[in-house]
Amino acid sequence: MRSHPDPNSLSPAGEGTALVRVESLTHDGRGIAHVDGKVIFIDGALPGEEIEITSIKKHSKYNEARVLSIRQPSVDRVDPRCIHVDMCGGCSLQHFAPAAQIQFKQQLLVEQLQHFGKVTPQEWLAPLTDEPWGYRRKARLSVRYVEKKQKLLVGFREKNGRYTADLSRCEVLRPEVGLLITPLQQLIGDLDAKREIAQIEVACGETETALILRHLVPLSAADHDKLISFAKQHSIRWYLQPKGLDSIHLLYPSDANPLLDYTLPEFDVTLQFHPVDFVQVNAAVNRKMVHQAIELLAPTDQERVLDLFCGLGNFSLPLAKRAKEVIGVEGDATMVARAGANAVYNNINNATFFTANLAEEDLSKHAWAKGSFDKILIDPPRTGAKEVLPLIAKLKAKRIVYVACHPATLARDAGILVHEYGYVLKKAGVMDMFAHTTHVESMAVFDYGKNS
């Protein structure tokens, strides 16, 4: 029988190194081990692995380390597809098998609901997943010209967050952008303004790809010509951003509709959006998410539905195809206008949208809040929906579907809904909106006063 080294002992490799067995993962995907009773957080390590590590940063209560060698790998360890994975901060779990990533995220949701909300759903939903590569349709890429190397970099930030990663391609961006990293480097490196380009915003619609170039000085006519030539060659749209968001304008094709679009075929809905508007990063998972949310909410043609944090109508307009009436509320007036325009574009006349600061202490003063609603959908930002819960309590809707992008705030709000407002957590589960990262998207269903 093989004997294992003491996981708390130093290996012969030298001072500052240790041989450890990884016990578990942190919420941000780092391995956890102990050396001489002190917690060690290890980038790139997986539970059950026996690895040699070296310390990279020491703190009073814990240390940070990186892997030197893997003596005994996890059965869930896989070879990363991306050649830049050790340096780029865009992904953190490519070494973890996709199925195991989902299990990790589901377990994180379980723990957060129990820890922060003291709740457990009566039933767990099957995870929503799709193709884990080439899925990302929205991103912000950093651009930097490095004088010492005489090289132009385009990519995500490095893992330490200080510098732009030196990438040649990206495996999680949609291929029409992920395979353009090197051509973009060559293009921008040849611009007169190459030292004054700050970032490129990426947005992919159903058939069009938009790139927004943030430039800190006016571009020359020669630079305009190079950008237009590149756009023609690679079938993209160029937008320019010389100042704030309101300065964004279409460079090429100059006569095109500045809006992109994506479809929800199941509901015969097409949503138009500006490249800087918020849309879900993963189009395939978004379609499954909308389907599941509406199936769980189960609106009928006799019911009024309230959609809080409605954005440009991603849930509201499909809901309107099933419900008697939908009221959408959002804090961003631009997005409210976009939702209204999308309703008109889709010939939907039973969805109405309102602007309101949903972080207000008292929302009941608004006219839209004075009516009754049978069901409610909530899709808040990472901070959660705590401020709207008193309004929800007053409305006493019989069912709530809560779409969350942060499990801790979902857990907090679930605890309030259950322990203070008489709701029962019926179902919950995760959605893999950001494969190969530690972002956890989830969905939960609450029924009012039903314990069975």
Protein backbone atom coordinates (compact mmCIF):
# COMPACT_ATOMS: atom_id res chain seq x y z
CA MET A 1 0.00 0.00 0.00
CA ARG A 2 1.35 3.39 -0.98
CA SER A 3 2.16 5.74 1.89
CA HIS A 4 1.45 9.46 1.49
CA PRO A 5 3.74 12.19 2.77
CA ASP A 6 2.50 14.19 5.72
CA PRO A 7 0.46 16.91 3.96
CA ASN A 8 1.64 19.42 6.55
CA SER A 9 5.33 18.72 6.12
CA LEU A 10 7.74 20.62 3.93
CA SER A 11 8.98 18.78 0.87
CA PRO A 12 12.71 18.43 0.15
CA ALA A 13 12.31 20.86 -2.77
CA GLY A 14 13.48 23.75 -0.66
CA GLU A 15 12.36 26.48 1.69
CA GLY A 16 8.97 27.98 0.85
CA THR A 17 7.67 24.85 -0.86
CA ALA A 18 5.42 22.15 0.51
CA LEU A 19 3.71 18.93 -0.50
CA VAL A 20 0.02 19.15 0.32
CA ARG A 21 -3.27 17.38 -0.29
CA VAL A 22 -6.02 19.73 -1.48
CA GLU A 23 -9.10 19.54 0.74
CA SER A 24 -11.73 21.61 -1.07
CA LEU A 25 -12.33 24.71 -3.20
CA THR A 26 -13.03 28.31 -2.22
CA HIS A 27 -16.02 30.09 -3.75
CA ASP A 28 -13.60 31.66 -6.26
CA GLY A 29 -12.22 28.29 -7.35
CA ARG A 30 -8.91 28.15 -5.49
CA GLY A 31 -7.78 24.99 -3.76
CA ILE A 32 -7.67 24.92 0.05
CA ALA A 33 -4.93 23.12 1.99
CA HIS A 34 -3.18 23.51 5.34
CA VAL A 35 0.52 23.72 6.19
CA ASP A 36 1.52 23.81 9.86
CA GLY A 37 -2.09 24.61 10.72
CA LYS A 38 -2.26 27.64 8.42
CA VAL A 39 -4.76 27.89 5.54
CA ILE A 40 -3.25 27.95 2.06
CA PHE A 41 -5.20 29.13 -1.00
CA ILE A 42 -3.82 27.63 -4.22
CA ASP A 43 -4.59 28.80 -7.76
CA GLY A 44 -5.22 25.94 -10.19
CA ALA A 45 -5.57 23.17 -7.60
CA LEU A 46 -8.49 20.71 -7.34
CA PRO A 47 -9.91 18.76 -4.38
CA GLY A 48 -8.17 15.47 -3.63
CA GLU A 49 -4.99 16.32 -5.47
CA GLU A 50 -1.53 15.78 -4.03
CA ILE A 51 0.55 18.71 -5.24
CA GLU A 52 3.80 20.54 -4.63
CA ILE A 53 3.26 24.24 -4.06
CA THR A 54 5.30 27.36 -3.57
CA SER A 55 4.15 30.36 -1.56
CA ILE A 56 3.56 33.57 -3.52
CA LYS A 57 2.05 35.82 -0.83
CA LYS A 58 1.90 35.61 2.94
CA HIS A 59 -0.81 37.05 5.21
CA SER A 60 -1.36 36.88 8.93
CA LYS A 61 -4.17 34.31 8.77
CA TYR A 62 -3.53 32.59 5.43
CA ASN A 63 -1.04 32.26 2.60
CA GLU A 64 -1.46 32.21 -1.16
CA ALA A 65 0.41 29.71 -3.30
CA ARG A 66 0.71 28.33 -6.80
CA VAL A 67 1.18 24.79 -8.07
CA LEU A 68 4.72 23.66 -8.87
CA SER A 69 3.88 20.08 -9.78
CA ILE A 70 0.96 17.67 -9.53
CA ARG A 71 1.94 14.36 -7.94
CA GLN A 72 -1.58 12.89 -7.93
CA PRO A 73 -4.16 14.64 -10.14
CA SER A 74 -7.90 14.77 -9.57
CA VAL A 75 -10.08 12.57 -11.75
CA ASP A 76 -11.81 15.83 -12.70
CA ARG A 77 -8.63 17.48 -14.01
CA VAL A 78 -8.58 18.09 -17.77
CA ASP A 79 -6.15 19.77 -20.14
CA PRO A 80 -7.19 23.40 -20.71
CA ARG A 81 -8.03 24.22 -24.31
CA CYS A 82 -6.59 27.72 -24.10
CA ILE A 83 -2.82 28.20 -24.38
CA HIS A 84 -3.04 31.40 -22.30
CA VAL A 85 -4.88 29.92 -19.33
CA ASP A 86 -2.02 30.28 -16.82
CA MET A 87 -1.73 34.01 -17.42
CA CYS A 88 -5.13 35.34 -18.59
CA GLY A 89 -7.71 36.35 -16.02
CA GLY A 90 -10.69 35.73 -18.30
CA CYS A 91 -11.15 32.14 -17.09
CA SER A 92 -10.24 30.36 -13.88
CA LEU A 93 -11.63 26.81 -14.19
CA GLN A 94 -10.51 25.48 -17.58
CA HIS A 95 -8.52 22.75 -15.78
CA PHE A 96 -11.77 21.51 -14.18
CA ALA A 97 -14.01 19.17 -16.21
CA PRO A 98 -17.21 21.01 -17.29
CA ALA A 99 -19.49 18.52 -15.50
CA ALA A 100 -17.45 18.94 -12.32
CA GLN A 101 -17.66 22.74 -12.66
CA ILE A 102 -21.45 22.45 -12.61
CA GLN A 103 -21.37 20.22 -9.53
CA PHE A 104 -19.09 22.77 -7.82
CA LYS A 105 -21.48 25.61 -8.64
CA GLN A 106 -24.53 23.63 -7.53
CA GLN A 107 -22.84 22.80 -4.23
CA LEU A 108 -21.93 26.45 -3.77
CA LEU A 109 -25.60 27.38 -4.20
CA VAL A 110 -26.59 24.70 -1.67
CA GLU A 111 -24.12 26.04 0.88
CA GLN A 112 -25.02 29.71 0.33
CA LEU A 113 -28.76 29.08 0.69
CA GLN A 114 -28.17 27.20 3.93
CA HIS A 115 -25.58 29.62 5.33
CA PHE A 116 -27.07 33.01 4.43
CA GLY A 117 -30.76 32.16 4.12
CA LYS A 118 -31.21 29.13 6.37
CA VAL A 119 -33.32 27.62 3.59
CA THR A 120 -33.31 24.54 1.37
CA PRO A 121 -35.57 24.11 -1.67
CA GLN A 122 -38.08 21.30 -1.73
CA GLU A 123 -36.68 20.30 -5.13
CA TRP A 124 -33.44 20.94 -7.01
CA LEU A 125 -33.68 21.99 -10.63
CA ALA A 126 -31.45 20.30 -13.19
CA PRO A 127 -28.57 22.64 -14.14
CA LEU A 128 -28.96 24.63 -17.36
CA THR A 129 -25.89 24.13 -19.55
CA ASP A 130 -24.81 24.43 -23.16
CA GLU A 131 -21.63 24.40 -25.26
CA PRO A 132 -18.86 25.67 -22.91
CA TRP A 133 -16.63 27.09 -25.69
CA GLY A 134 -17.11 30.08 -27.97
CA TYR A 135 -20.19 31.23 -26.09
CA ARG A 136 -19.36 34.74 -24.90
CA ARG A 137 -21.13 37.43 -26.92
CA LYS A 138 -20.34 40.40 -24.67
CA ALA A 139 -16.92 41.39 -23.31
CA ARG A 140 -14.59 44.29 -22.65
CA LEU A 141 -11.07 43.82 -23.94
CA SER A 142 -8.18 45.91 -22.69
CA VAL A 143 -5.80 47.46 -25.22
CA ARG A 144 -2.24 48.51 -24.41
CA TYR A 145 0.81 49.44 -26.43
CA VAL A 146 3.95 48.24 -24.62
CA GLU A 147 6.80 50.58 -25.53
CA LYS A 148 9.58 48.32 -24.27
CA LYS A 149 8.41 45.44 -26.43
CA GLN A 150 7.12 47.64 -29.26
CA LYS A 151 4.02 45.45 -29.15
CA LEU A 152 0.28 46.07 -29.07
CA LEU A 153 -1.75 43.85 -26.71
CA VAL A 154 -5.48 43.10 -26.93
CA GLY A 155 -7.12 40.88 -24.35
CA PHE A 156 -8.52 40.41 -20.88
CA ARG A 157 -6.53 41.48 -17.86
CA GLU A 158 -3.90 39.16 -16.47
CA LYS A 159 -4.81 37.17 -13.37
CA ASN A 160 -3.21 39.79 -11.13
CA GLY A 161 -5.42 42.41 -12.77
CA ARG A 162 -2.62 44.91 -13.38
CA TYR A 163 -1.63 44.27 -16.97
CA THR A 164 -3.24 43.33 -20.26
CA ALA A 165 -2.75 39.65 -21.06
CA ASP A 166 -0.68 38.88 -24.15
CA LEU A 167 -3.22 36.80 -26.10
CA SER A 168 -3.28 35.44 -29.64
CA ARG A 169 -6.84 34.08 -29.49
CA CYS A 170 -9.65 33.43 -27.01
CA GLU A 171 -11.54 30.16 -26.69
CA VAL A 172 -14.59 31.45 -24.80
CA LEU A 173 -15.38 34.50 -26.92
CA ARG A 174 -17.65 33.91 -29.89
CA PRO A 175 -15.31 32.66 -32.69
CA GLU A 176 -15.97 35.71 -34.84
CA VAL A 177 -14.15 37.72 -32.15
CA GLY A 178 -12.03 35.09 -30.39
CA LEU A 179 -10.14 34.37 -33.61
CA LEU A 180 -9.66 38.08 -34.32
CA ILE A 181 -7.32 38.83 -31.40
CA THR A 182 -4.12 38.65 -33.45
CA PRO A 183 -5.56 40.55 -36.45
CA LEU A 184 -6.80 43.24 -34.04
CA GLN A 185 -3.35 43.54 -32.51
CA GLN A 186 -1.86 43.99 -35.96
CA LEU A 187 -4.49 46.51 -36.98
CA ILE A 188 -4.33 48.72 -33.87
CA GLY A 189 -0.54 48.43 -33.70
CA ASP A 190 -0.49 50.03 -37.15
CA LEU A 191 -2.73 52.97 -36.20
CA ASP A 192 -1.34 56.48 -35.68
CA ALA A 193 -3.28 56.54 -32.38
CA LYS A 194 -2.08 53.10 -31.16
CA ARG A 195 -0.78 54.54 -27.87
CA GLU A 196 -4.14 56.19 -27.15
CA ILE A 197 -6.51 53.24 -27.61
CA ALA A 198 -7.89 52.15 -24.21
CA GLN A 199 -10.27 49.28 -24.87
CA ILE A 200 -12.53 47.43 -27.26
CA GLU A 201 -16.09 46.63 -26.24
CA VAL A 202 -17.46 43.48 -27.88
CA ALA A 203 -21.12 42.78 -28.63
CA CYS A 204 -22.43 40.01 -30.88
CA GLY A 205 -25.96 39.97 -32.17
CA GLU A 206 -27.75 37.19 -34.01
CA THR A 207 -25.94 37.93 -37.28
CA GLU A 208 -23.81 41.02 -36.64
CA THR A 209 -20.64 41.55 -34.60
CA ALA A 210 -19.91 45.01 -33.15
CA LEU A 211 -16.62 46.34 -31.81
CA ILE A 212 -16.52 49.68 -29.97
CA LEU A 213 -13.11 51.34 -30.05
CA ARG A 214 -12.42 53.64 -27.09
CA HIS A 215 -9.86 56.20 -28.28
CA LEU A 216 -8.43 59.02 -26.18
CA VAL A 217 -7.38 61.27 -29.08
CA PRO A 218 -9.08 62.08 -32.40
CA LEU A 219 -8.35 59.51 -35.08
CA SER A 220 -6.66 60.49 -38.31
CA ALA A 221 -8.22 59.95 -41.71
CA ALA A 222 -5.64 57.22 -42.33
CA ASP A 223 -6.74 55.44 -39.12
CA HIS A 224 -10.39 55.67 -40.21
CA ASP A 225 -9.49 54.09 -43.53
CA LYS A 226 -7.61 51.22 -41.84
CA LEU A 227 -10.51 50.51 -39.49
CA ILE A 228 -13.03 50.50 -42.33
CA SER A 229 -10.87 48.21 -44.43
CA PHE A 230 -10.58 45.81 -41.47
CA ALA A 231 -14.34 45.87 -40.93
CA LYS A 232 -15.00 45.01 -44.57
CA GLN A 233 -12.45 42.19 -44.53
CA HIS A 234 -13.76 40.58 -41.32
CA SER A 235 -17.49 41.43 -41.63
CA ILE A 236 -17.74 43.44 -38.41
CA ARG A 237 -19.17 46.79 -37.39
CA TRP A 238 -16.89 49.46 -35.96
CA TYR A 239 -18.24 51.96 -33.44
CA LEU A 240 -16.06 54.77 -32.10
CA GLN A 241 -16.11 56.14 -28.57
CA PRO A 242 -14.03 59.33 -28.22
CA LYS A 243 -15.48 60.30 -24.82
CA GLY A 244 -18.37 59.05 -22.65
CA LEU A 245 -21.07 56.55 -23.57
CA ASP A 246 -23.15 59.23 -25.28
CA SER A 247 -20.30 59.84 -27.73
CA ILE A 248 -20.49 56.33 -29.24
CA HIS A 249 -21.28 56.40 -32.94
CA LEU A 250 -21.17 54.00 -35.86
CA LEU A 251 -18.12 54.32 -38.12
CA TYR A 252 -18.85 51.43 -40.47
CA PRO A 253 -21.21 50.72 -42.04
CA SER A 254 -22.22 54.33 -41.51
CA ASP A 255 -25.73 53.88 -42.90
CA ALA A 256 -26.66 50.77 -40.86
CA ASN A 257 -29.16 50.53 -38.02
CA PRO A 258 -26.97 51.13 -34.93
CA LEU A 259 -28.86 48.41 -33.04
CA LEU A 260 -28.06 44.68 -32.98
CA ASP A 261 -30.62 41.98 -32.21
CA TYR A 262 -31.05 38.47 -30.85
CA THR A 263 -33.98 36.07 -31.06
CA LEU A 264 -36.02 33.92 -28.71
CA PRO A 265 -37.51 31.61 -31.37
CA GLU A 266 -39.71 29.65 -28.97
CA PHE A 267 -41.69 32.83 -28.31
CA ASP A 268 -41.30 34.40 -31.76
CA VAL A 269 -39.60 37.40 -30.14
CA THR A 270 -36.68 39.45 -31.49
CA LEU A 271 -35.01 41.90 -29.13
CA GLN A 272 -33.02 44.84 -30.42
CA PHE A 273 -30.18 46.27 -28.36
CA HIS A 274 -27.37 48.79 -28.58
CA PRO A 275 -23.89 47.27 -28.24
CA VAL A 276 -23.44 48.85 -24.79
CA ASP A 277 -26.83 47.69 -23.48
CA PHE A 278 -26.89 44.88 -20.95
CA VAL A 279 -27.75 41.51 -22.47
CA GLN A 280 -26.97 38.08 -21.10
CA VAL A 281 -23.48 36.94 -22.09
CA ASN A 282 -24.45 33.44 -23.22
CA ALA A 283 -27.13 33.41 -25.92
CA ALA A 284 -27.80 29.65 -25.78
CA VAL A 285 -28.13 29.53 -22.00
CA ASN A 286 -30.26 32.69 -22.09
CA ARG A 287 -32.78 30.94 -24.34
CA LYS A 288 -32.95 28.00 -21.94
CA MET A 289 -33.16 30.36 -18.97
CA VAL A 290 -36.10 32.30 -20.43
CA HIS A 291 -37.87 29.04 -21.27
CA GLN A 292 -37.38 27.67 -17.76
CA ALA A 293 -38.39 30.89 -16.02
CA ILE A 294 -41.64 31.10 -17.95
CA GLU A 295 -42.42 27.41 -17.51
CA LEU A 296 -41.86 27.75 -13.76
CA LEU A 297 -43.84 30.97 -13.46
CA ALA A 298 -46.59 29.38 -15.60
CA PRO A 299 -48.60 32.54 -16.33
CA THR A 300 -52.07 32.18 -17.80
CA ASP A 301 -53.98 34.51 -20.08
CA GLN A 302 -55.97 35.65 -17.05
CA GLU A 303 -52.99 36.74 -14.94
CA ARG A 304 -51.04 39.99 -14.46
CA VAL A 305 -47.28 39.60 -14.11
CA LEU A 306 -44.76 42.06 -12.66
CA ASP A 307 -41.22 41.90 -14.07
CA LEU A 308 -38.78 43.77 -11.81
CA PHE A 309 -35.34 44.74 -13.16
CA CYS A 310 -36.80 44.05 -16.61
CA GLY A 311 -33.97 45.50 -18.72
CA LEU A 312 -34.81 45.59 -22.41
CA GLY A 313 -37.59 43.00 -22.07
CA ASN A 314 -35.70 39.70 -22.12
CA PHE A 315 -38.36 38.09 -19.89
CA SER A 316 -41.19 40.64 -20.20
CA LEU A 317 -41.94 40.15 -23.87
CA PRO A 318 -41.99 36.32 -23.83
CA LEU A 319 -44.14 36.54 -20.69
CA ALA A 320 -46.54 38.83 -22.53
CA LYS A 321 -47.13 36.03 -25.04
CA ARG A 322 -48.58 33.92 -22.21
CA ALA A 323 -50.01 36.39 -19.67
CA LYS A 324 -52.95 38.77 -19.73
CA GLU A 325 -50.69 41.75 -18.93
CA VAL A 326 -47.05 42.36 -18.04
CA ILE A 327 -45.68 45.37 -16.21
CA GLY A 328 -41.91 45.78 -16.51
CA VAL A 329 -39.94 48.05 -14.17
CA GLU A 330 -36.30 49.08 -14.54
CA GLY A 331 -34.06 51.78 -13.09
CA ASP A 332 -32.32 52.70 -16.35
CA ALA A 333 -34.53 54.97 -18.43
CA THR A 334 -32.64 54.08 -21.63
CA MET A 335 -33.37 50.39 -21.11
CA VAL A 336 -37.03 51.14 -20.33
CA ALA A 337 -37.29 52.99 -23.64
CA ARG A 338 -35.59 50.06 -25.37
CA ALA A 339 -38.06 47.61 -23.81
CA GLY A 340 -40.99 49.72 -24.97
CA ALA A 341 -39.54 49.92 -28.47
CA ASN A 342 -39.03 46.15 -28.48
CA ALA A 343 -42.67 45.64 -27.55
CA VAL A 344 -43.71 47.76 -30.53
CA TYR A 345 -41.19 45.97 -32.79
CA ASN A 346 -42.73 42.62 -31.84
CA ASN A 347 -46.35 43.85 -32.06
CA ILE A 348 -46.87 43.16 -28.36
CA ASN A 349 -49.45 45.51 -26.82
CA ASN A 350 -50.00 43.96 -23.38
CA ALA A 351 -46.59 44.89 -21.92
CA THR A 352 -46.00 48.32 -20.35
CA PHE A 353 -42.72 49.58 -18.95
CA PHE A 354 -41.86 52.06 -16.19
CA THR A 355 -38.70 53.67 -14.86
CA ALA A 356 -38.16 53.45 -11.10
CA ASN A 357 -35.22 53.30 -8.74
CA LEU A 358 -35.75 49.81 -7.34
CA ALA A 359 -33.35 50.55 -4.48
CA GLU A 360 -35.84 53.05 -3.01
CA GLU A 361 -37.10 52.33 0.49
CA ASP A 362 -40.76 52.86 -0.46
CA LEU A 363 -41.87 51.76 -3.91
CA SER A 364 -45.58 51.68 -3.09
CA LYS A 365 -45.94 55.36 -4.10
CA HIS A 366 -45.57 54.44 -7.78
CA ALA A 367 -48.78 54.03 -9.76
CA TRP A 368 -47.68 50.70 -11.24
CA ALA A 369 -47.20 49.31 -7.70
CA LYS A 370 -50.76 50.05 -6.60
CA GLY A 371 -52.39 47.29 -8.61
CA SER A 372 -52.49 43.58 -7.93
CA PHE A 373 -50.22 40.98 -9.50
CA ASP A 374 -50.68 37.25 -9.68
CA LYS A 375 -47.03 36.45 -10.28
CA ILE A 376 -43.67 38.21 -10.15
CA LEU A 377 -40.34 37.71 -11.90
CA ILE A 378 -37.21 39.28 -10.41
CA ASP A 379 -33.83 39.52 -12.19
CA PRO A 380 -31.75 41.85 -10.01
CA PRO A 381 -28.06 42.83 -10.21
CA ARG A 382 -25.42 41.25 -7.94
CA THR A 383 -26.60 43.35 -5.00
CA GLY A 384 -29.88 41.44 -5.01
CA ALA A 385 -33.47 42.53 -4.49
CA LYS A 386 -33.61 43.30 -0.77
CA GLU A 387 -35.11 46.77 -1.27
CA VAL A 388 -38.07 45.49 -3.33
CA LEU A 389 -38.98 42.66 -0.96
CA PRO A 390 -41.31 44.81 1.23
CA LEU A 391 -43.31 45.70 -1.91
CA ILE A 392 -43.44 42.04 -2.89
CA ALA A 393 -44.68 41.20 0.59
CA LYS A 394 -47.53 43.71 0.20
CA LEU A 395 -48.50 42.38 -3.21
CA LYS A 396 -48.68 38.77 -1.97
CA ALA A 397 -48.26 37.34 -5.46
CA LYS A 398 -48.84 33.61 -5.41
CA ARG A 399 -45.58 32.79 -7.18
CA ILE A 400 -42.17 34.42 -7.61
CA VAL A 401 -39.38 33.35 -9.95
CA TYR A 402 -36.06 34.86 -8.88
CA VAL A 403 -33.20 34.91 -11.41
CA ALA A 404 -29.90 35.60 -9.65
CA CYS A 405 -26.34 36.37 -10.72
CA HIS A 406 -24.93 36.08 -7.19
CA PRO A 407 -25.84 33.14 -4.93
CA ALA A 408 -25.12 34.93 -1.64
CA THR A 409 -27.64 37.73 -2.28
CA LEU A 410 -30.19 35.22 -3.58
CA ALA A 411 -29.71 33.27 -0.35
CA ARG A 412 -30.13 36.40 1.77
CA ASP A 413 -33.31 37.40 -0.06
CA ALA A 414 -34.65 33.83 0.02
CA GLY A 415 -34.27 33.84 3.79
CA ILE A 416 -36.28 37.06 4.02
CA LEU A 417 -39.03 35.79 1.70
CA VAL A 418 -39.33 32.53 3.63
CA HIS A 419 -38.79 33.55 7.25
CA GLU A 420 -40.40 37.00 7.21
CA TYR A 421 -42.93 37.08 4.37
CA GLY A 422 -44.54 33.64 4.32
CA TYR A 423 -43.13 32.24 1.07
CA VAL A 424 -41.91 28.67 0.55
CA LEU A 425 -38.79 27.94 -1.48
CA LYS A 426 -40.07 25.32 -3.90
CA LYS A 427 -37.22 24.89 -6.36
CA ALA A 428 -33.72 26.17 -7.07
CA GLY A 429 -30.85 25.37 -9.41
CA VAL A 430 -27.84 26.78 -11.24
CA MET A 431 -27.29 27.97 -14.80
CA ASP A 432 -23.88 27.85 -16.47
CA MET A 433 -23.99 31.30 -18.03
CA PHE A 434 -20.20 31.74 -17.64
CA ALA A 435 -18.53 28.38 -18.31
CA HIS A 436 -14.91 28.05 -17.06
CA THR A 437 -15.38 30.85 -14.53
CA THR A 438 -16.58 30.85 -10.93
CA HIS A 439 -19.61 33.04 -11.70
CA VAL A 440 -22.74 31.28 -10.46
CA GLU A 441 -26.09 32.16 -12.01
CA SER A 442 -29.15 30.57 -10.46
CA MET A 443 -32.94 30.48 -10.44
CA ALA A 444 -35.37 29.94 -7.57
CA VAL A 445 -39.14 29.52 -7.32
CA PHE A 446 -41.19 30.70 -4.33
CA ASP A 447 -44.88 30.03 -3.65
CA TYR A 448 -46.87 32.08 -1.19
CA GLY A 449 -48.03 30.12 1.85
CA LYS A 450 -47.77 26.67 0.25
CA ASN A 451 -45.89 24.06 2.25
CA SER A 452 -46.58 21.09 0.02
